[in-house]
């Protein structure tokens, strides 16, 4: 048979293959480019950006867990203006789709960030709604349908690029949250973000992380990601970028069968920077060996019992 078509049309944006890197795990790509050419990736979701530079949380802010890590980095980043000036020109030369991940503490923050990012050369906006809403007692934007609708409508009113809402798994009903984002005009969804977790040092009896709690990622969260992607796929018609525990091409296939059109690799890059490349190659071989003409043909085709 002919070589399988690995490309993905996602919100009108052409990805050469379905593999992207998850925000917060790949920086702005410069360091990893020394191991794997960025041009081999379908896309990159850059380090989470805020309006102004942030130093992040005090250390320790990373802790190992069984089959994963906890992180409480705190969105350390140079600010969106520095990203556009210093990092984006480099990324534009790498022949891959660029996803700007943006965060804020108020609706106004998100709106301003969206305007700035929309006027840049990024391809897609990923809106991190796991940030605390300082006007609502610190509750994350992504934990209620009303706040999800509010932030999505606000962002869409300023967006000139497709908007992908990144869903938090720290909710009771992920499908309900997804429907709220769709109703408010989201173009796509990404999930799952990290799950809240904690480790305690049994000698000091204190949490290992200075911030007490952190976001759990890595292979341990894969089954939760598969379940939530499947639930969201059956609740909305929006395209999905799936993530959560992907370390092998087989993991990527699971997420695609559950309903993801794109698959993001994150924490696995810390232990093996070649992971995205291996996932891409594995997906290609899987499609070729299985007689699959287009890799997107498998999206959402899992057969339930």
C-alpha atoms as a PDB file:
ATOM      1  CA  UNK A   1       0.000   0.000   0.000  1.00  0.00           C
ATOM      2  CA  UNK A   2       1.001   3.655  -0.256  1.00  0.00           C
ATOM      3  CA  UNK A   3       2.615   5.371   2.683  1.00  0.00           C
ATOM      4  CA  UNK A   4      -0.054   6.318   5.249  1.00  0.00           C
ATOM      5  CA  UNK A   5      -1.081   9.960   5.430  1.00  0.00           C
ATOM      6  CA  UNK A   6       0.051  11.146   8.858  1.00  0.00           C
ATOM      7  CA  UNK A   7      -1.193  14.720   8.547  1.00  0.00           C
ATOM      8  CA  UNK A   8      -3.955  16.217  10.667  1.00  0.00           C
ATOM      9  CA  UNK A   9      -6.199  19.172   9.894  1.00  0.00           C
ATOM     10  CA  UNK A  10      -6.934  20.672  13.293  1.00  0.00           C
ATOM     11  CA  UNK A  11      -9.052  23.822  13.334  1.00  0.00           C
ATOM     12  CA  UNK A  12      -7.909  24.503   9.784  1.00  0.00           C
ATOM     13  CA  UNK A  13      -4.242  24.231  10.776  1.00  0.00           C
ATOM     14  CA  UNK A  14      -2.081  21.638   9.036  1.00  0.00           C
ATOM     15  CA  UNK A  15      -0.058  19.402  11.365  1.00  0.00           C
ATOM     16  CA  UNK A  16       2.347  17.125   9.487  1.00  0.00           C
ATOM     17  CA  UNK A  17       1.680  14.403  12.065  1.00  0.00           C
ATOM     18  CA  UNK A  18      -0.521  14.132  15.177  1.00  0.00           C
ATOM     19  CA  UNK A  19       2.302  14.411  17.730  1.00  0.00           C
ATOM     20  CA  UNK A  20       2.831  17.668  19.605  1.00  0.00           C
ATOM     21  CA  UNK A  21       4.621  18.463  22.853  1.00  0.00           C
ATOM     22  CA  UNK A  22       2.731  19.400  25.997  1.00  0.00           C
ATOM     23  CA  UNK A  23       3.045  22.880  27.452  1.00  0.00           C
ATOM     24  CA  UNK A  24       5.389  23.164  30.400  1.00  0.00           C
ATOM     25  CA  UNK A  25       7.465  20.139  29.463  1.00  0.00           C
ATOM     26  CA  UNK A  26       9.296  21.316  26.349  1.00  0.00           C
ATOM     27  CA  UNK A  27      10.148  24.928  27.145  1.00  0.00           C
ATOM     28  CA  UNK A  28      10.349  26.838  23.882  1.00  0.00           C
ATOM     29  CA  UNK A  29      12.009  23.913  22.123  1.00  0.00           C
ATOM     30  CA  UNK A  30      15.592  25.154  21.900  1.00  0.00           C
ATOM     31  CA  UNK A  31      17.152  22.598  24.250  1.00  0.00           C
ATOM     32  CA  UNK A  32      15.233  19.632  22.855  1.00  0.00           C
ATOM     33  CA  UNK A  33      16.114  20.663  19.313  1.00  0.00           C
ATOM     34  CA  UNK A  34      19.634  19.465  20.106  1.00  0.00           C
ATOM     35  CA  UNK A  35      18.247  15.915  20.469  1.00  0.00           C
ATOM     36  CA  UNK A  36      15.341  15.788  18.023  1.00  0.00           C
ATOM     37  CA  UNK A  37      14.849  18.324  15.207  1.00  0.00           C
ATOM     38  CA  UNK A  38      11.722  20.293  16.012  1.00  0.00           C
ATOM     39  CA  UNK A  39      10.806  20.047  12.341  1.00  0.00           C
ATOM     40  CA  UNK A  40       9.942  16.375  12.892  1.00  0.00           C
ATOM     41  CA  UNK A  41       7.146  17.273  15.324  1.00  0.00           C
ATOM     42  CA  UNK A  42       3.603  18.037  14.307  1.00  0.00           C
ATOM     43  CA  UNK A  43       3.624  20.991  16.671  1.00  0.00           C
ATOM     44  CA  UNK A  44       4.757  22.454  19.971  1.00  0.00           C
ATOM     45  CA  UNK A  45       2.678  23.905  22.783  1.00  0.00           C
ATOM     46  CA  UNK A  46       5.094  26.338  24.359  1.00  0.00           C
ATOM     47  CA  UNK A  47       5.763  26.977  28.027  1.00  0.00           C
ATOM     48  CA  UNK A  48       2.767  28.590  29.699  1.00  0.00           C
ATOM     49  CA  UNK A  49       2.812  32.346  29.130  1.00  0.00           C
ATOM     50  CA  UNK A  50       1.553  35.172  31.310  1.00  0.00           C
ATOM     51  CA  UNK A  51       1.208  38.878  30.640  1.00  0.00           C
ATOM     52  CA  UNK A  52       4.244  39.792  32.740  1.00  0.00           C
ATOM     53  CA  UNK A  53       7.367  37.732  33.535  1.00  0.00           C
ATOM     54  CA  UNK A  54       7.019  35.323  36.443  1.00  0.00           C
ATOM     55  CA  UNK A  55       9.686  33.694  38.613  1.00  0.00           C
ATOM     56  CA  UNK A  56       7.390  30.856  39.616  1.00  0.00           C
ATOM     57  CA  UNK A  57       7.090  29.182  42.995  1.00  0.00           C
ATOM     58  CA  UNK A  58       9.890  28.709  45.476  1.00  0.00           C
ATOM     59  CA  UNK A  59      11.672  25.309  45.497  1.00  0.00           C
ATOM     60  CA  UNK A  60      11.382  22.451  45.935  1.00  0.00           C
ATOM     61  CA  UNK A  61       8.799  22.441  43.170  1.00  0.00           C
ATOM     62  CA  UNK A  62       9.312  19.036  41.550  1.00  0.00           C
ATOM     63  CA  UNK A  63       8.833  15.700  43.310  1.00  0.00           C
ATOM     64  CA  UNK A  64       9.040  12.191  41.911  1.00  0.00           C
ATOM     65  CA  UNK A  65       6.085   9.889  42.384  1.00  0.00           C
ATOM     66  CA  UNK A  66       5.457   6.278  41.393  1.00  0.00           C
ATOM     67  CA  UNK A  67       5.084   6.388  37.580  1.00  0.00           C
ATOM     68  CA  UNK A  68       5.215  10.159  37.334  1.00  0.00           C
ATOM     69  CA  UNK A  69       6.071  13.494  38.887  1.00  0.00           C
ATOM     70  CA  UNK A  70       4.416  16.249  40.880  1.00  0.00           C
ATOM     71  CA  UNK A  71       5.156  19.782  39.790  1.00  0.00           C
ATOM     72  CA  UNK A  72       4.422  23.158  41.304  1.00  0.00           C
ATOM     73  CA  UNK A  73       6.649  25.280  39.076  1.00  0.00           C
ATOM     74  CA  UNK A  74       4.198  28.160  39.139  1.00  0.00           C
ATOM     75  CA  UNK A  75       4.248  29.237  35.487  1.00  0.00           C
ATOM     76  CA  UNK A  76       7.806  30.544  35.479  1.00  0.00           C
ATOM     77  CA  UNK A  77       8.147  32.314  32.129  1.00  0.00           C
ATOM     78  CA  UNK A  78       9.592  35.479  30.557  1.00  0.00           C
ATOM     79  CA  UNK A  79       6.188  36.963  29.691  1.00  0.00           C
ATOM     80  CA  UNK A  80       4.356  36.944  26.381  1.00  0.00           C
ATOM     81  CA  UNK A  81       6.132  39.972  24.917  1.00  0.00           C
ATOM     82  CA  UNK A  82       9.580  38.418  25.484  1.00  0.00           C
ATOM     83  CA  UNK A  83       8.338  35.152  23.954  1.00  0.00           C
ATOM     84  CA  UNK A  84       7.136  36.911  20.804  1.00  0.00           C
ATOM     85  CA  UNK A  85      10.328  38.912  20.478  1.00  0.00           C
ATOM     86  CA  UNK A  86      12.974  36.319  21.386  1.00  0.00           C
ATOM     87  CA  UNK A  87      11.529  32.817  20.970  1.00  0.00           C
ATOM     88  CA  UNK A  88       8.864  32.939  18.273  1.00  0.00           C
ATOM     89  CA  UNK A  89      11.232  33.888  15.401  1.00  0.00           C
ATOM     90  CA  UNK A  90      13.292  30.773  16.158  1.00  0.00           C
ATOM     91  CA  UNK A  91      10.209  28.544  16.247  1.00  0.00           C
ATOM     92  CA  UNK A  92       8.873  29.953  12.973  1.00  0.00           C
ATOM     93  CA  UNK A  93      11.962  28.565  11.226  1.00  0.00           C
ATOM     94  CA  UNK A  94      11.321  24.996  12.430  1.00  0.00           C
ATOM     95  CA  UNK A  95       8.413  24.029  10.134  1.00  0.00           C
ATOM     96  CA  UNK A  96       5.895  23.016  12.778  1.00  0.00           C
ATOM     97  CA  UNK A  97       2.631  24.329  14.169  1.00  0.00           C
ATOM     98  CA  UNK A  98       3.042  26.677  17.143  1.00  0.00           C
ATOM     99  CA  UNK A  99       0.548  26.636  19.991  1.00  0.00           C
ATOM    100  CA  UNK A 100       0.677  29.519  22.484  1.00  0.00           C
ATOM    101  CA  UNK A 101      -0.405  28.409  25.944  1.00  0.00           C
ATOM    102  CA  UNK A 102      -1.711  31.406  27.883  1.00  0.00           C
ATOM    103  CA  UNK A 103      -2.720  31.860  31.521  1.00  0.00           C
ATOM    104  CA  UNK A 104      -4.178  34.620  33.656  1.00  0.00           C
ATOM    105  CA  UNK A 105      -5.734  35.419  37.009  1.00  0.00           C
ATOM    106  CA  UNK A 106      -8.578  37.584  35.730  1.00  0.00           C
ATOM    107  CA  UNK A 107     -10.837  37.598  32.693  1.00  0.00           C
ATOM    108  CA  UNK A 108      -9.157  40.827  31.659  1.00  0.00           C
ATOM    109  CA  UNK A 109      -5.743  39.119  31.748  1.00  0.00           C
ATOM    110  CA  UNK A 110      -6.942  36.430  29.372  1.00  0.00           C
ATOM    111  CA  UNK A 111      -8.527  38.938  27.014  1.00  0.00           C
ATOM    112  CA  UNK A 112      -5.367  41.041  26.811  1.00  0.00           C
ATOM    113  CA  UNK A 113      -3.186  37.968  26.364  1.00  0.00           C
ATOM    114  CA  UNK A 114      -5.473  36.724  23.596  1.00  0.00           C
ATOM    115  CA  UNK A 115      -5.225  40.018  21.708  1.00  0.00           C
ATOM    116  CA  UNK A 116      -1.437  40.035  21.937  1.00  0.00           C
ATOM    117  CA  UNK A 117      -1.051  36.381  20.922  1.00  0.00           C
ATOM    118  CA  UNK A 118      -3.576  36.740  18.095  1.00  0.00           C
ATOM    119  CA  UNK A 119      -1.498  39.488  16.522  1.00  0.00           C
ATOM    120  CA  UNK A 120       1.622  37.304  16.554  1.00  0.00           C
ATOM    121  CA  UNK A 121       2.689  34.454  14.273  1.00  0.00           C
ATOM    122  CA  UNK A 122       1.449  31.624  16.494  1.00  0.00           C
ATOM    123  CA  UNK A 123      -1.048  29.240  14.904  1.00  0.00           C
ATOM    124  CA  UNK A 124      -3.339  28.267  17.771  1.00  0.00           C
ATOM    125  CA  UNK A 125      -4.186  29.582  21.235  1.00  0.00           C
ATOM    126  CA  UNK A 126      -4.363  27.096  24.125  1.00  0.00           C
ATOM    127  CA  UNK A 127      -6.181  28.657  27.062  1.00  0.00           C
ATOM    128  CA  UNK A 128      -5.097  27.240  30.404  1.00  0.00           C
ATOM    129  CA  UNK A 129      -8.197  27.556  32.585  1.00  0.00           C
ATOM    130  CA  UNK A 130      -6.660  25.742  35.555  1.00  0.00           C
ATOM    131  CA  UNK A 131      -5.432  29.109  36.874  1.00  0.00           C
ATOM    132  CA  UNK A 132      -7.023  30.633  39.991  1.00  0.00           C
ATOM    133  CA  UNK A 133      -9.625  33.340  39.434  1.00  0.00           C
ATOM    134  CA  UNK A 134      -8.514  36.015  41.905  1.00  0.00           C
ATOM    135  CA  UNK A 135     -11.963  37.639  41.765  1.00  0.00           C
ATOM    136  CA  UNK A 136     -13.698  34.420  42.828  1.00  0.00           C
ATOM    137  CA  UNK A 137     -11.731  33.501  45.910  1.00  0.00           C
ATOM    138  CA  UNK A 138      -8.984  31.687  44.017  1.00  0.00           C
ATOM    139  CA  UNK A 139     -11.186  28.971  42.504  1.00  0.00           C
ATOM    140  CA  UNK A 140      -9.767  27.784  39.174  1.00  0.00           C
ATOM    141  CA  UNK A 141     -11.589  29.050  36.087  1.00  0.00           C
ATOM    142  CA  UNK A 142     -11.935  25.500  34.793  1.00  0.00           C
ATOM    143  CA  UNK A 143     -13.847  24.001  37.700  1.00  0.00           C
ATOM    144  CA  UNK A 144     -17.360  25.339  37.028  1.00  0.00           C
ATOM    145  CA  UNK A 145     -19.476  25.562  33.894  1.00  0.00           C
ATOM    146  CA  UNK A 146     -20.282  29.232  34.472  1.00  0.00           C
ATOM    147  CA  UNK A 147     -16.652  30.306  34.725  1.00  0.00           C
ATOM    148  CA  UNK A 148     -15.694  28.141  31.734  1.00  0.00           C
ATOM    149  CA  UNK A 149     -18.384  29.783  29.648  1.00  0.00           C
ATOM    150  CA  UNK A 150     -17.356  33.222  30.875  1.00  0.00           C
ATOM    151  CA  UNK A 151     -13.670  32.854  30.086  1.00  0.00           C
ATOM    152  CA  UNK A 152     -14.312  31.137  26.745  1.00  0.00           C
ATOM    153  CA  UNK A 153     -16.700  33.858  25.534  1.00  0.00           C
ATOM    154  CA  UNK A 154     -14.302  36.573  26.685  1.00  0.00           C
ATOM    155  CA  UNK A 155     -11.349  35.017  24.892  1.00  0.00           C
ATOM    156  CA  UNK A 156     -13.313  34.340  21.720  1.00  0.00           C
ATOM    157  CA  UNK A 157     -14.411  37.982  21.604  1.00  0.00           C
ATOM    158  CA  UNK A 158     -10.757  38.982  21.162  1.00  0.00           C
ATOM    159  CA  UNK A 159      -9.322  36.000  19.290  1.00  0.00           C
ATOM    160  CA  UNK A 160      -8.139  36.164  15.691  1.00  0.00           C
ATOM    161  CA  UNK A 161      -6.738  32.638  15.863  1.00  0.00           C
ATOM    162  CA  UNK A 162      -8.479  29.350  16.754  1.00  0.00           C
ATOM    163  CA  UNK A 163      -9.064  28.910  20.493  1.00  0.00           C
ATOM    164  CA  UNK A 164      -8.419  25.596  22.267  1.00  0.00           C
ATOM    165  CA  UNK A 165      -9.599  25.408  25.865  1.00  0.00           C
ATOM    166  CA  UNK A 166      -7.391  23.242  28.102  1.00  0.00           C
ATOM    167  CA  UNK A 167      -9.613  21.358  30.525  1.00  0.00           C
ATOM    168  CA  UNK A 168      -8.786  20.553  34.130  1.00  0.00           C
ATOM    169  CA  UNK A 169      -9.392  16.954  35.282  1.00  0.00           C
ATOM    170  CA  UNK A 170     -10.003  18.199  38.820  1.00  0.00           C
ATOM    171  CA  UNK A 171     -13.763  18.327  38.300  1.00  0.00           C
ATOM    172  CA  UNK A 172     -16.755  16.103  38.980  1.00  0.00           C
ATOM    173  CA  UNK A 173     -18.040  15.907  35.387  1.00  0.00           C
ATOM    174  CA  UNK A 174     -15.548  16.589  32.590  1.00  0.00           C
ATOM    175  CA  UNK A 175     -18.231  16.202  29.900  1.00  0.00           C
ATOM    176  CA  UNK A 176     -20.311  18.969  31.481  1.00  0.00           C
ATOM    177  CA  UNK A 177     -17.298  21.294  31.439  1.00  0.00           C
ATOM    178  CA  UNK A 178     -16.569  20.405  27.808  1.00  0.00           C
ATOM    179  CA  UNK A 179     -20.139  21.193  26.790  1.00  0.00           C
ATOM    180  CA  UNK A 180     -19.858  24.589  28.487  1.00  0.00           C
ATOM    181  CA  UNK A 181     -16.728  25.415  26.486  1.00  0.00           C
ATOM    182  CA  UNK A 182     -18.394  24.299  23.259  1.00  0.00           C
ATOM    183  CA  UNK A 183     -21.512  26.353  23.966  1.00  0.00           C
ATOM    184  CA  UNK A 184     -19.366  29.438  24.527  1.00  0.00           C
ATOM    185  CA  UNK A 185     -17.655  29.082  21.136  1.00  0.00           C
ATOM    186  CA  UNK A 186     -14.438  27.127  21.725  1.00  0.00           C
ATOM    187  CA  UNK A 187     -12.847  25.826  18.523  1.00  0.00           C
ATOM    188  CA  UNK A 188     -11.110  22.845  20.167  1.00  0.00           C
ATOM    189  CA  UNK A 189     -10.325  21.259  23.523  1.00  0.00           C
ATOM    190  CA  UNK A 190      -7.139  19.891  25.057  1.00  0.00           C
ATOM    191  CA  UNK A 191      -7.119  17.468  27.982  1.00  0.00           C
ATOM    192  CA  UNK A 192      -6.132  16.414  30.473  1.00  0.00           C
ATOM    193  CA  UNK A 193      -4.189  18.937  32.508  1.00  0.00           C
ATOM    194  CA  UNK A 194      -2.453  17.638  35.628  1.00  0.00           C
ATOM    195  CA  UNK A 195      -4.285  16.180  38.621  1.00  0.00           C
ATOM    196  CA  UNK A 196      -3.763  17.624  42.079  1.00  0.00           C
ATOM    197  CA  UNK A 197      -1.530  15.503  44.266  1.00  0.00           C
ATOM    198  CA  UNK A 198       0.780  15.600  47.279  1.00  0.00           C
ATOM    199  CA  UNK A 199       3.827  13.813  48.682  1.00  0.00           C
ATOM    200  CA  UNK A 200       4.898  13.950  52.340  1.00  0.00           C
ATOM    201  CA  UNK A 201       8.423  13.522  53.674  1.00  0.00           C
ATOM    202  CA  UNK A 202       7.971  10.930  56.410  1.00  0.00           C
ATOM    203  CA  UNK A 203      11.036  12.193  58.324  1.00  0.00           C
ATOM    204  CA  UNK A 204      10.032  15.846  58.515  1.00  0.00           C
ATOM    205  CA  UNK A 205       6.278  15.138  58.245  1.00  0.00           C
ATOM    206  CA  UNK A 206       6.068  18.053  55.843  1.00  0.00           C
ATOM    207  CA  UNK A 207       4.978  18.056  52.204  1.00  0.00           C
ATOM    208  CA  UNK A 208       7.904  17.599  49.841  1.00  0.00           C
ATOM    209  CA  UNK A 209       6.781  20.496  47.652  1.00  0.00           C
ATOM    210  CA  UNK A 210       7.149  23.996  49.075  1.00  0.00           C
ATOM    211  CA  UNK A 211       3.674  24.750  47.726  1.00  0.00           C
ATOM    212  CA  UNK A 212       2.305  21.620  49.471  1.00  0.00           C
ATOM    213  CA  UNK A 213       0.308  20.395  46.463  1.00  0.00           C
ATOM    214  CA  UNK A 214       1.305  19.993  42.839  1.00  0.00           C
ATOM    215  CA  UNK A 215       0.111  18.698  39.502  1.00  0.00           C
ATOM    216  CA  UNK A 216       0.534  14.968  38.900  1.00  0.00           C
ATOM    217  CA  UNK A 217       1.632  13.900  35.417  1.00  0.00           C
ATOM    218  CA  UNK A 218       3.303  10.920  33.817  1.00  0.00           C
ATOM    219  CA  UNK A 219       2.269   7.330  33.062  1.00  0.00           C
ATOM    220  CA  UNK A 220       0.184   7.098  36.236  1.00  0.00           C
ATOM    221  CA  UNK A 221      -2.489   9.404  34.775  1.00  0.00           C
ATOM    222  CA  UNK A 222      -2.868   7.660  31.378  1.00  0.00           C
ATOM    223  CA  UNK A 223      -6.022   5.662  32.256  1.00  0.00           C
ATOM    224  CA  UNK A 224      -7.702   8.823  33.521  1.00  0.00           C
ATOM    225  CA  UNK A 225      -6.768  10.656  30.323  1.00  0.00           C
ATOM    226  CA  UNK A 226      -8.152   7.850  28.158  1.00  0.00           C
ATOM    227  CA  UNK A 227     -11.425   7.833  30.108  1.00  0.00           C
ATOM    228  CA  UNK A 228     -11.908  11.595  30.057  1.00  0.00           C
ATOM    229  CA  UNK A 229     -11.059  11.957  26.363  1.00  0.00           C
ATOM    230  CA  UNK A 230     -13.593   9.256  25.552  1.00  0.00           C
ATOM    231  CA  UNK A 231     -16.233  10.995  27.683  1.00  0.00           C
ATOM    232  CA  UNK A 232     -15.575  14.374  26.061  1.00  0.00           C
ATOM    233  CA  UNK A 233     -15.543  12.880  22.565  1.00  0.00           C
ATOM    234  CA  UNK A 234     -19.031  11.556  23.208  1.00  0.00           C
ATOM    235  CA  UNK A 235     -20.248  14.840  24.688  1.00  0.00           C
ATOM    236  CA  UNK A 236     -19.107  17.413  22.112  1.00  0.00           C
ATOM    237  CA  UNK A 237     -18.203  17.660  18.442  1.00  0.00           C
ATOM    238  CA  UNK A 238     -15.025  19.718  18.931  1.00  0.00           C
ATOM    239  CA  UNK A 239     -11.606  18.360  17.906  1.00  0.00           C
ATOM    240  CA  UNK A 240      -9.480  17.183  20.831  1.00  0.00           C
ATOM    241  CA  UNK A 241      -5.775  17.379  21.594  1.00  0.00           C
ATOM    242  CA  UNK A 242      -5.239  14.511  24.042  1.00  0.00           C
ATOM    243  CA  UNK A 243      -2.514  14.290  26.655  1.00  0.00           C
ATOM    244  CA  UNK A 244      -1.757  12.643  29.945  1.00  0.00           C
ATOM    245  CA  UNK A 245       0.817   9.923  30.495  1.00  0.00           C
ATOM    246  CA  UNK A 246       1.826   9.334  26.874  1.00  0.00           C
ATOM    247  CA  UNK A 247       5.214   7.605  26.845  1.00  0.00           C
ATOM    248  CA  UNK A 248       4.900   5.212  23.869  1.00  0.00           C
ATOM    249  CA  UNK A 249       3.226   5.061  20.486  1.00  0.00           C
ATOM    250  CA  UNK A 250       0.800   2.518  21.914  1.00  0.00           C
ATOM    251  CA  UNK A 251      -0.300   5.104  24.479  1.00  0.00           C
ATOM    252  CA  UNK A 252      -0.827   7.594  21.659  1.00  0.00           C
ATOM    253  CA  UNK A 253      -2.989   5.112  19.754  1.00  0.00           C
ATOM    254  CA  UNK A 254      -5.137   4.637  22.870  1.00  0.00           C
ATOM    255  CA  UNK A 255      -5.806   8.356  23.136  1.00  0.00           C
ATOM    256  CA  UNK A 256      -6.626   8.576  19.429  1.00  0.00           C
ATOM    257  CA  UNK A 257      -8.992   5.609  19.608  1.00  0.00           C
ATOM    258  CA  UNK A 258     -10.671   7.343  22.550  1.00  0.00           C
ATOM    259  CA  UNK A 259     -11.198  10.468  20.447  1.00  0.00           C
ATOM    260  CA  UNK A 260      -8.057  12.622  20.246  1.00  0.00           C
ATOM    261  CA  UNK A 261      -6.973  13.974  16.854  1.00  0.00           C
ATOM    262  CA  UNK A 262      -3.670  15.287  18.213  1.00  0.00           C
ATOM    263  CA  UNK A 263      -1.618  13.692  20.980  1.00  0.00           C
ATOM    264  CA  UNK A 264       0.739  15.629  23.244  1.00  0.00           C
ATOM    265  CA  UNK A 265       3.841  14.090  24.801  1.00  0.00           C
ATOM    266  CA  UNK A 266       5.017  15.724  28.011  1.00  0.00           C
ATOM    267  CA  UNK A 267       6.584  14.251  31.138  1.00  0.00           C
ATOM    268  CA  UNK A 268       8.139  11.339  29.223  1.00  0.00           C
ATOM    269  CA  UNK A 269      10.461  13.837  27.538  1.00  0.00           C
ATOM    270  CA  UNK A 270      12.218  14.380  30.865  1.00  0.00           C
ATOM    271  CA  UNK A 271      13.454  10.803  30.976  1.00  0.00           C
ATOM    272  CA  UNK A 272      13.943  10.365  27.223  1.00  0.00           C
ATOM    273  CA  UNK A 273      14.034  13.467  24.982  1.00  0.00           C
ATOM    274  CA  UNK A 274      13.609  11.200  21.954  1.00  0.00           C
ATOM    275  CA  UNK A 275      10.116  10.118  23.095  1.00  0.00           C
ATOM    276  CA  UNK A 276       8.148  12.333  20.644  1.00  0.00           C
ATOM    277  CA  UNK A 277      10.228  11.040  17.738  1.00  0.00           C
ATOM    278  CA  UNK A 278       9.698   7.430  18.837  1.00  0.00           C
ATOM    279  CA  UNK A 279       5.947   8.021  19.121  1.00  0.00           C
ATOM    280  CA  UNK A 280       5.826   9.518  15.616  1.00  0.00           C
ATOM    281  CA  UNK A 281       7.784   6.619  14.131  1.00  0.00           C
ATOM    282  CA  UNK A 282       5.679   4.088  16.018  1.00  0.00           C
ATOM    283  CA  UNK A 283       2.423   5.634  14.822  1.00  0.00           C
ATOM    284  CA  UNK A 284       3.666   5.539  11.242  1.00  0.00           C
ATOM    285  CA  UNK A 285       4.624   1.854  11.483  1.00  0.00           C
ATOM    286  CA  UNK A 286       1.329   1.035  13.189  1.00  0.00           C
ATOM    287  CA  UNK A 287      -0.661   2.713  10.430  1.00  0.00           C
ATOM    288  CA  UNK A 288       1.391   1.094   7.674  1.00  0.00           C
ATOM    289  CA  UNK A 289       1.298  -2.405   9.200  1.00  0.00           C
ATOM    290  CA  UNK A 290      -2.453  -2.110   9.877  1.00  0.00           C
ATOM    291  CA  UNK A 291      -3.332  -0.931   6.365  1.00  0.00           C
ATOM    292  CA  UNK A 292      -4.572   2.433   7.648  1.00  0.00           C
ATOM    293  CA  UNK A 293      -4.577   5.007   4.842  1.00  0.00           C
ATOM    294  CA  UNK A 294      -4.910   8.073   7.062  1.00  0.00           C
ATOM    295  CA  UNK A 295      -3.914   8.123  10.705  1.00  0.00           C
ATOM    296  CA  UNK A 296      -6.987  10.260  11.453  1.00  0.00           C
ATOM    297  CA  UNK A 297      -9.187   7.334  10.407  1.00  0.00           C
ATOM    298  CA  UNK A 298      -8.656   5.764  13.841  1.00  0.00           C
ATOM    299  CA  UNK A 299      -9.844   8.802  15.814  1.00  0.00           C
ATOM    300  CA  UNK A 300     -12.778   7.902  18.063  1.00  0.00           C
ATOM    301  CA  UNK A 301     -13.116   4.364  16.741  1.00  0.00           C
ATOM    302  CA  UNK A 302     -12.796   2.502  20.039  1.00  0.00           C
ATOM    303  CA  UNK A 303     -15.568  -0.086  20.323  1.00  0.00           C
ATOM    304  CA  UNK A 304     -17.188  -0.096  23.751  1.00  0.00           C
ATOM    305  CA  UNK A 305     -18.417  -3.282  25.452  1.00  0.00           C
END
